[in-house]
Structure formats: C-alpha cells, structure tokens
Amino acid sequence: MPRIILVEDDESLRTTLTEFLEQSGHEVCIAANGRIAWQFLEGQAFDLVITDLVMPDMEGLEFITKLRKAGHNIPIIAMTGGGRDIYLTLAEKLGARAILTKPFRLAELLEAVSSALKGDKRNLA
C-alpha cells in the first residue's frame, strides 16, 4: 500500500483528500504545513508527497526545496489555488512530478498520484 504524506493547511480539503486517497487504497499521513510534514519525513518513509504551495509556517516551495537539498528523491505533486501559476511553475522546476490547480476533480488527483508513483511527469494545471 503506497504511503502518502498530504500537506494542506485547509482542514476541510485535507479531510476530503485524505478520505478519497484512503478509499483509493493509499495510506495517508496528514500535515497542516511543511514544518510538520518535515518532522514526519525525518522518522518515516513515504512513497509520495502531495503538497499545497501557499501555507503558513513553511510554505510548499520552501518545503520542496528543503526536500531536494536533503537528497530526498520522493515524487511530489504540488497544488495551489487558481491565479498562482508562478508557484506551480516554480514547483515544477524544483522537481514536482505533477502540478494541480485548485479546484481540481478527484479523478485528476488520482491520475496524478498513479502517474507520480510510476515515475511519470504530468502537468494537470
């Protein structure tokens, strides 16, 4: 069962995505920001990171940068609200395998997860 860390500050969206991913056969660990997610990554192994880009404490681009500088090659899916295309572009340059613009359909997320776990790169913005 693939282990996913979901980093999202919006509690409602975090709950919805967690339930959907778990029903799709994934184990999900949740974090409200990059700082909390980083603490999880220091002690556990994950197959995929799904991260929002605009969050308090440690935002997504900083989190992705920290992951890559530490040598983590874990696949990343980056997501953010519309009108923030520059954030998605930067996330992609930092190595995100897929980018999603909110709101997105759950089927798009599932496709991005499947592709990222297989090593494919997708742009679903």
N, C-alpha and C. Protein backbone atom coordinates (compact mmCIF):
# COMPACT_ATOMS: atom_id res chain seq x y z
N MET A 1 0.85 -1.18 0.00
CA MET A 1 0.00 0.00 0.00
C MET A 1 0.90 1.24 0.00
N PRO A 2 0.80 2.09 -1.03
CA PRO A 2 1.62 3.30 -1.09
C PRO A 2 1.33 4.25 0.09
N ARG A 3 2.41 4.79 0.65
CA ARG A 3 2.29 5.74 1.76
C ARG A 3 2.45 7.16 1.22
N ILE A 4 1.47 7.99 1.50
CA ILE A 4 1.44 9.35 1.00
C ILE A 4 1.44 10.31 2.18
N ILE A 5 2.22 11.37 2.08
CA ILE A 5 2.11 12.46 3.05
C ILE A 5 1.40 13.61 2.34
N LEU A 6 0.29 14.03 2.92
CA LEU A 6 -0.54 15.10 2.37
C LEU A 6 -0.33 16.35 3.21
N VAL A 7 0.15 17.41 2.56
CA VAL A 7 0.45 18.66 3.24
C VAL A 7 -0.53 19.72 2.74
N GLU A 8 -1.49 20.08 3.57
CA GLU A 8 -2.55 21.01 3.19
C GLU A 8 -3.04 21.73 4.43
N ASP A 9 -3.08 23.08 4.38
CA ASP A 9 -3.49 23.84 5.56
C ASP A 9 -5.01 23.95 5.70
N ASP A 10 -5.75 23.78 4.63
CA ASP A 10 -7.21 23.87 4.70
C ASP A 10 -7.76 22.54 5.24
N GLU A 11 -8.30 22.57 6.45
CA GLU A 11 -8.73 21.35 7.13
C GLU A 11 -9.80 20.59 6.35
N SER A 12 -10.76 21.30 5.79
CA SER A 12 -11.84 20.66 5.04
C SER A 12 -11.30 19.92 3.81
N LEU A 13 -10.43 20.59 3.06
CA LEU A 13 -9.85 19.95 1.87
C LEU A 13 -8.95 18.79 2.28
N ARG A 14 -8.19 18.98 3.34
CA ARG A 14 -7.32 17.92 3.83
C ARG A 14 -8.13 16.67 4.18
N THR A 15 -9.25 16.85 4.83
CA THR A 15 -10.12 15.73 5.20
C THR A 15 -10.68 15.04 3.96
N THR A 16 -11.19 15.84 3.02
CA THR A 16 -11.76 15.28 1.78
C THR A 16 -10.71 14.48 1.01
N LEU A 17 -9.53 15.06 0.83
CA LEU A 17 -8.48 14.38 0.06
C LEU A 17 -7.99 13.12 0.78
N THR A 18 -7.88 13.20 2.09
CA THR A 18 -7.44 12.03 2.87
C THR A 18 -8.42 10.88 2.71
N GLU A 19 -9.71 11.17 2.89
CA GLU A 19 -10.72 10.12 2.75
C GLU A 19 -10.71 9.52 1.36
N PHE A 20 -10.60 10.37 0.35
CA PHE A 20 -10.59 9.88 -1.03
C PHE A 20 -9.37 9.00 -1.30
N LEU A 21 -8.20 9.45 -0.87
CA LEU A 21 -6.98 8.68 -1.11
C LEU A 21 -7.00 7.36 -0.35
N GLU A 22 -7.51 7.37 0.87
CA GLU A 22 -7.60 6.13 1.64
C GLU A 22 -8.58 5.15 0.98
N GLN A 23 -9.71 5.66 0.49
CA GLN A 23 -10.67 4.80 -0.21
C GLN A 23 -10.09 4.26 -1.51
N SER A 24 -9.08 4.95 -2.05
CA SER A 24 -8.43 4.52 -3.28
C SER A 24 -7.26 3.57 -3.01
N GLY A 25 -7.08 3.19 -1.74
CA GLY A 25 -6.07 2.19 -1.41
C GLY A 25 -4.72 2.72 -0.97
N HIS A 26 -4.67 3.97 -0.53
CA HIS A 26 -3.41 4.55 -0.08
C HIS A 26 -3.43 4.79 1.42
N GLU A 27 -2.28 4.69 2.03
CA GLU A 27 -2.13 5.08 3.43
C GLU A 27 -1.72 6.55 3.44
N VAL A 28 -2.42 7.37 4.22
CA VAL A 28 -2.20 8.82 4.18
C VAL A 28 -1.83 9.33 5.56
N CYS A 29 -0.77 10.11 5.59
CA CYS A 29 -0.35 10.83 6.79
C CYS A 29 -0.58 12.31 6.48
N ILE A 30 -1.18 13.05 7.39
CA ILE A 30 -1.52 14.44 7.09
C ILE A 30 -0.69 15.42 7.90
N ALA A 31 -0.45 16.58 7.28
CA ALA A 31 0.27 17.66 7.93
C ALA A 31 -0.35 18.98 7.47
N ALA A 32 -0.46 19.94 8.39
CA ALA A 32 -1.07 21.23 8.08
C ALA A 32 -0.11 22.21 7.44
N ASN A 33 1.19 21.90 7.45
CA ASN A 33 2.18 22.77 6.80
C ASN A 33 3.48 22.00 6.60
N GLY A 34 4.41 22.63 5.89
CA GLY A 34 5.67 21.97 5.58
C GLY A 34 6.52 21.64 6.79
N ARG A 35 6.44 22.46 7.82
CA ARG A 35 7.23 22.21 9.03
C ARG A 35 6.80 20.89 9.69
N ILE A 36 5.51 20.68 9.81
CA ILE A 36 5.00 19.43 10.40
C ILE A 36 5.35 18.25 9.49
N ALA A 37 5.18 18.43 8.18
CA ALA A 37 5.49 17.36 7.23
C ALA A 37 6.96 16.97 7.33
N TRP A 38 7.83 17.96 7.48
CA TRP A 38 9.26 17.68 7.57
C TRP A 38 9.56 16.79 8.78
N GLN A 39 8.87 17.05 9.89
CA GLN A 39 9.07 16.23 11.09
C GLN A 39 8.67 14.78 10.82
N PHE A 40 7.59 14.57 10.09
CA PHE A 40 7.19 13.20 9.74
C PHE A 40 8.24 12.54 8.85
N LEU A 41 8.76 13.27 7.89
CA LEU A 41 9.72 12.71 6.95
C LEU A 41 11.05 12.35 7.59
N GLU A 42 11.36 12.98 8.71
CA GLU A 42 12.62 12.66 9.40
C GLU A 42 12.59 11.26 10.02
N GLY A 43 11.39 10.74 10.33
CA GLY A 43 11.32 9.47 11.00
C GLY A 43 10.59 8.36 10.26
N GLN A 44 10.03 8.67 9.09
CA GLN A 44 9.24 7.68 8.37
C GLN A 44 9.55 7.73 6.88
N ALA A 45 9.23 6.64 6.20
CA ALA A 45 9.41 6.58 4.74
C ALA A 45 8.05 6.76 4.07
N PHE A 46 8.04 7.54 3.00
CA PHE A 46 6.83 7.76 2.22
C PHE A 46 7.13 7.53 0.76
N ASP A 47 6.10 7.17 0.01
CA ASP A 47 6.23 6.93 -1.43
C ASP A 47 5.91 8.17 -2.26
N LEU A 48 5.20 9.13 -1.65
CA LEU A 48 4.73 10.30 -2.41
C LEU A 48 4.41 11.44 -1.45
N VAL A 49 4.69 12.66 -1.90
CA VAL A 49 4.28 13.88 -1.20
C VAL A 49 3.27 14.60 -2.07
N ILE A 50 2.15 14.99 -1.47
CA ILE A 50 1.19 15.88 -2.13
C ILE A 50 1.17 17.13 -1.27
N THR A 51 1.55 18.27 -1.84
CA THR A 51 1.65 19.47 -1.03
C THR A 51 0.99 20.68 -1.66
N ASP A 52 0.30 21.41 -0.81
CA ASP A 52 -0.18 22.74 -1.17
C ASP A 52 1.06 23.63 -1.25
N LEU A 53 0.94 24.75 -1.93
CA LEU A 53 2.08 25.64 -2.04
C LEU A 53 1.98 26.88 -1.16
N VAL A 54 0.77 27.32 -0.87
CA VAL A 54 0.60 28.52 -0.05
C VAL A 54 0.03 28.09 1.30
N MET A 55 0.91 28.13 2.33
CA MET A 55 0.54 27.69 3.67
C MET A 55 1.30 28.53 4.70
N PRO A 56 0.82 28.54 5.93
CA PRO A 56 1.57 29.23 6.99
C PRO A 56 2.78 28.41 7.44
N ASP A 57 3.64 29.03 8.19
CA ASP A 57 4.83 28.43 8.80
C ASP A 57 5.89 28.04 7.77
N MET A 58 5.73 26.95 7.06
CA MET A 58 6.64 26.60 5.98
C MET A 58 5.79 26.30 4.76
N GLU A 59 5.85 27.19 3.78
CA GLU A 59 5.02 27.01 2.59
C GLU A 59 5.62 25.96 1.67
N GLY A 60 4.86 25.59 0.67
CA GLY A 60 5.20 24.45 -0.18
C GLY A 60 6.50 24.55 -0.94
N LEU A 61 6.81 25.71 -1.52
CA LEU A 61 8.05 25.84 -2.28
C LEU A 61 9.27 25.67 -1.37
N GLU A 62 9.19 26.23 -0.18
CA GLU A 62 10.28 26.07 0.80
C GLU A 62 10.41 24.60 1.19
N PHE A 63 9.28 23.94 1.39
CA PHE A 63 9.28 22.52 1.75
C PHE A 63 9.90 21.67 0.64
N ILE A 64 9.49 21.92 -0.60
CA ILE A 64 10.04 21.17 -1.73
C ILE A 64 11.54 21.40 -1.84
N THR A 65 11.96 22.65 -1.71
CA THR A 65 13.39 22.98 -1.77
C THR A 65 14.16 22.25 -0.69
N LYS A 66 13.64 22.24 0.51
CA LYS A 66 14.29 21.56 1.64
C LYS A 66 14.39 20.06 1.37
N LEU A 67 13.33 19.46 0.82
CA LEU A 67 13.35 18.04 0.47
C LEU A 67 14.48 17.73 -0.50
N ARG A 68 14.56 18.52 -1.55
CA ARG A 68 15.56 18.26 -2.58
C ARG A 68 16.98 18.50 -2.07
N LYS A 69 17.18 19.55 -1.28
CA LYS A 69 18.52 19.83 -0.73
C LYS A 69 18.97 18.73 0.22
N ALA A 70 18.02 18.08 0.89
CA ALA A 70 18.34 16.99 1.81
C ALA A 70 18.55 15.67 1.07
N GLY A 71 18.36 15.67 -0.24
CA GLY A 71 18.59 14.47 -1.04
C GLY A 71 17.41 13.54 -1.17
N HIS A 72 16.23 13.98 -0.72
CA HIS A 72 15.02 13.15 -0.88
C HIS A 72 14.59 13.18 -2.35
N ASN A 73 14.46 12.01 -2.94
CA ASN A 73 14.01 11.90 -4.33
C ASN A 73 12.55 11.48 -4.42
N ILE A 74 11.83 11.62 -3.33
CA ILE A 74 10.43 11.23 -3.27
C ILE A 74 9.63 12.02 -4.31
N PRO A 75 8.73 11.38 -5.05
CA PRO A 75 7.90 12.11 -6.01
C PRO A 75 7.00 13.11 -5.29
N ILE A 76 6.76 14.24 -5.96
CA ILE A 76 5.97 15.33 -5.38
C ILE A 76 4.87 15.73 -6.35
N ILE A 77 3.67 15.92 -5.80
CA ILE A 77 2.57 16.56 -6.52
C ILE A 77 2.33 17.88 -5.81
N ALA A 78 2.38 18.98 -6.56
CA ALA A 78 2.15 20.32 -6.00
C ALA A 78 0.79 20.82 -6.44
N MET A 79 0.12 21.53 -5.52
CA MET A 79 -1.21 22.07 -5.85
C MET A 79 -1.37 23.45 -5.21
N THR A 80 -2.14 24.29 -5.89
CA THR A 80 -2.45 25.60 -5.33
C THR A 80 -3.68 26.16 -6.04
N GLY A 81 -4.23 27.21 -5.43
CA GLY A 81 -5.42 27.84 -6.00
C GLY A 81 -5.12 28.57 -7.29
N GLY A 82 -6.16 28.78 -8.09
CA GLY A 82 -6.02 29.48 -9.36
C GLY A 82 -5.42 30.86 -9.19
N GLY A 83 -4.76 31.34 -10.22
CA GLY A 83 -4.15 32.66 -10.18
C GLY A 83 -2.75 32.65 -9.60
N ARG A 84 -2.24 31.49 -9.28
CA ARG A 84 -0.89 31.38 -8.71
C ARG A 84 -0.02 30.50 -9.62
N ASP A 85 -0.14 30.69 -10.90
CA ASP A 85 0.58 29.85 -11.85
C ASP A 85 2.09 29.90 -11.66
N ILE A 86 2.61 31.05 -11.20
CA ILE A 86 4.06 31.16 -10.99
C ILE A 86 4.52 30.17 -9.93
N TYR A 87 3.69 29.94 -8.90
CA TYR A 87 4.04 28.97 -7.86
C TYR A 87 4.13 27.56 -8.45
N LEU A 88 3.17 27.23 -9.30
CA LEU A 88 3.17 25.90 -9.92
C LEU A 88 4.37 25.73 -10.85
N THR A 89 4.69 26.78 -11.59
CA THR A 89 5.86 26.74 -12.47
C THR A 89 7.13 26.52 -11.67
N LEU A 90 7.27 27.24 -10.56
CA LEU A 90 8.44 27.07 -9.70
C LEU A 90 8.48 25.67 -9.09
N ALA A 91 7.35 25.16 -8.66
CA ALA A 91 7.29 23.81 -8.09
C ALA A 91 7.75 22.78 -9.12
N GLU A 92 7.32 22.97 -10.34
CA GLU A 92 7.72 22.05 -11.41
C GLU A 92 9.23 22.12 -11.65
N LYS A 93 9.78 23.33 -11.62
CA LYS A 93 11.23 23.49 -11.80
C LYS A 93 12.01 22.87 -10.65
N LEU A 94 11.40 22.83 -9.47
CA LEU A 94 12.05 22.21 -8.31
C LEU A 94 11.89 20.70 -8.29
N GLY A 95 11.15 20.17 -9.26
CA GLY A 95 11.07 18.72 -9.39
C GLY A 95 9.73 18.08 -9.12
N ALA A 96 8.66 18.87 -8.99
CA ALA A 96 7.33 18.27 -8.81
C ALA A 96 6.99 17.46 -10.04
N ARG A 97 6.50 16.24 -9.83
CA ARG A 97 6.13 15.37 -10.96
C ARG A 97 4.80 15.74 -11.57
N ALA A 98 3.95 16.39 -10.77
CA ALA A 98 2.65 16.83 -11.27
C ALA A 98 2.28 18.10 -10.54
N ILE A 99 1.51 18.94 -11.23
CA ILE A 99 1.00 20.17 -10.64
C ILE A 99 -0.50 20.23 -10.89
N LEU A 100 -1.23 20.66 -9.87
CA LEU A 100 -2.68 20.73 -9.95
C LEU A 100 -3.15 22.12 -9.52
N THR A 101 -4.08 22.68 -10.29
CA THR A 101 -4.69 23.95 -9.93
C THR A 101 -6.02 23.67 -9.24
N LYS A 102 -6.19 24.21 -8.04
CA LYS A 102 -7.46 24.07 -7.31
C LYS A 102 -8.48 25.02 -7.92
N PRO A 103 -9.71 24.65 -8.00
CA PRO A 103 -10.23 23.32 -7.66
C PRO A 103 -9.94 22.33 -8.78
N PHE A 104 -9.71 21.11 -8.42
CA PHE A 104 -9.49 20.04 -9.40
C PHE A 104 -10.44 18.90 -9.06
N ARG A 105 -10.66 18.06 -10.04
CA ARG A 105 -11.52 16.89 -9.83
C ARG A 105 -10.70 15.80 -9.12
N LEU A 106 -11.36 15.03 -8.29
CA LEU A 106 -10.67 13.96 -7.57
C LEU A 106 -10.06 12.95 -8.54
N ALA A 107 -10.70 12.76 -9.67
CA ALA A 107 -10.15 11.85 -10.69
C ALA A 107 -8.80 12.37 -11.21
N GLU A 108 -8.66 13.70 -11.31
CA GLU A 108 -7.38 14.27 -11.74
C GLU A 108 -6.29 13.99 -10.70
N LEU A 109 -6.65 14.10 -9.43
CA LEU A 109 -5.69 13.80 -8.37
C LEU A 109 -5.27 12.34 -8.44
N LEU A 110 -6.23 11.46 -8.59
CA LEU A 110 -5.92 10.03 -8.65
C LEU A 110 -5.01 9.71 -9.84
N GLU A 111 -5.27 10.35 -10.97
CA GLU A 111 -4.41 10.17 -12.15
C GLU A 111 -3.00 10.66 -11.86
N ALA A 112 -2.88 11.82 -11.21
CA ALA A 112 -1.57 12.38 -10.88
C ALA A 112 -0.83 11.47 -9.90
N VAL A 113 -1.54 10.94 -8.91
CA VAL A 113 -0.94 10.03 -7.93
C VAL A 113 -0.42 8.78 -8.63
N SER A 114 -1.25 8.18 -9.45
CA SER A 114 -0.85 6.98 -10.18
C SER A 114 0.38 7.23 -11.04
N SER A 115 0.37 8.33 -11.77
CA SER A 115 1.50 8.67 -12.64
C SER A 115 2.77 8.94 -11.84
N ALA A 116 2.63 9.70 -10.75
CA ALA A 116 3.81 10.03 -9.95
C ALA A 116 4.42 8.77 -9.33
N LEU A 117 3.58 7.86 -8.87
CA LEU A 117 4.10 6.63 -8.28
C LEU A 117 4.79 5.74 -9.32
N LYS A 118 4.37 5.87 -10.58
CA LYS A 118 5.01 5.12 -11.66
C LYS A 118 6.25 5.84 -12.21
N GLY A 119 6.44 7.09 -11.82
CA GLY A 119 7.60 7.83 -12.28
C GLY A 119 7.32 8.75 -13.46
N ASP A 120 6.06 8.86 -13.88
CA ASP A 120 5.70 9.74 -14.98
C ASP A 120 5.62 11.18 -14.50
N LYS A 121 5.77 12.10 -15.44
CA LYS A 121 5.63 13.51 -15.13
C LYS A 121 4.40 14.05 -15.85
N ARG A 122 3.51 14.71 -15.12
CA ARG A 122 2.27 15.23 -15.68
C ARG A 122 2.07 16.67 -15.28
N ASN A 123 1.49 17.44 -16.16
CA ASN A 123 1.09 18.83 -15.85
C ASN A 123 -0.41 18.90 -15.99
N LEU A 124 -1.10 18.95 -14.88
CA LEU A 124 -2.56 18.98 -14.89
C LEU A 124 -3.10 20.33 -14.45
N ALA A 125 -2.26 21.36 -14.55
CA ALA A 125 -2.67 22.71 -14.11
C ALA A 125 -3.76 23.25 -15.00
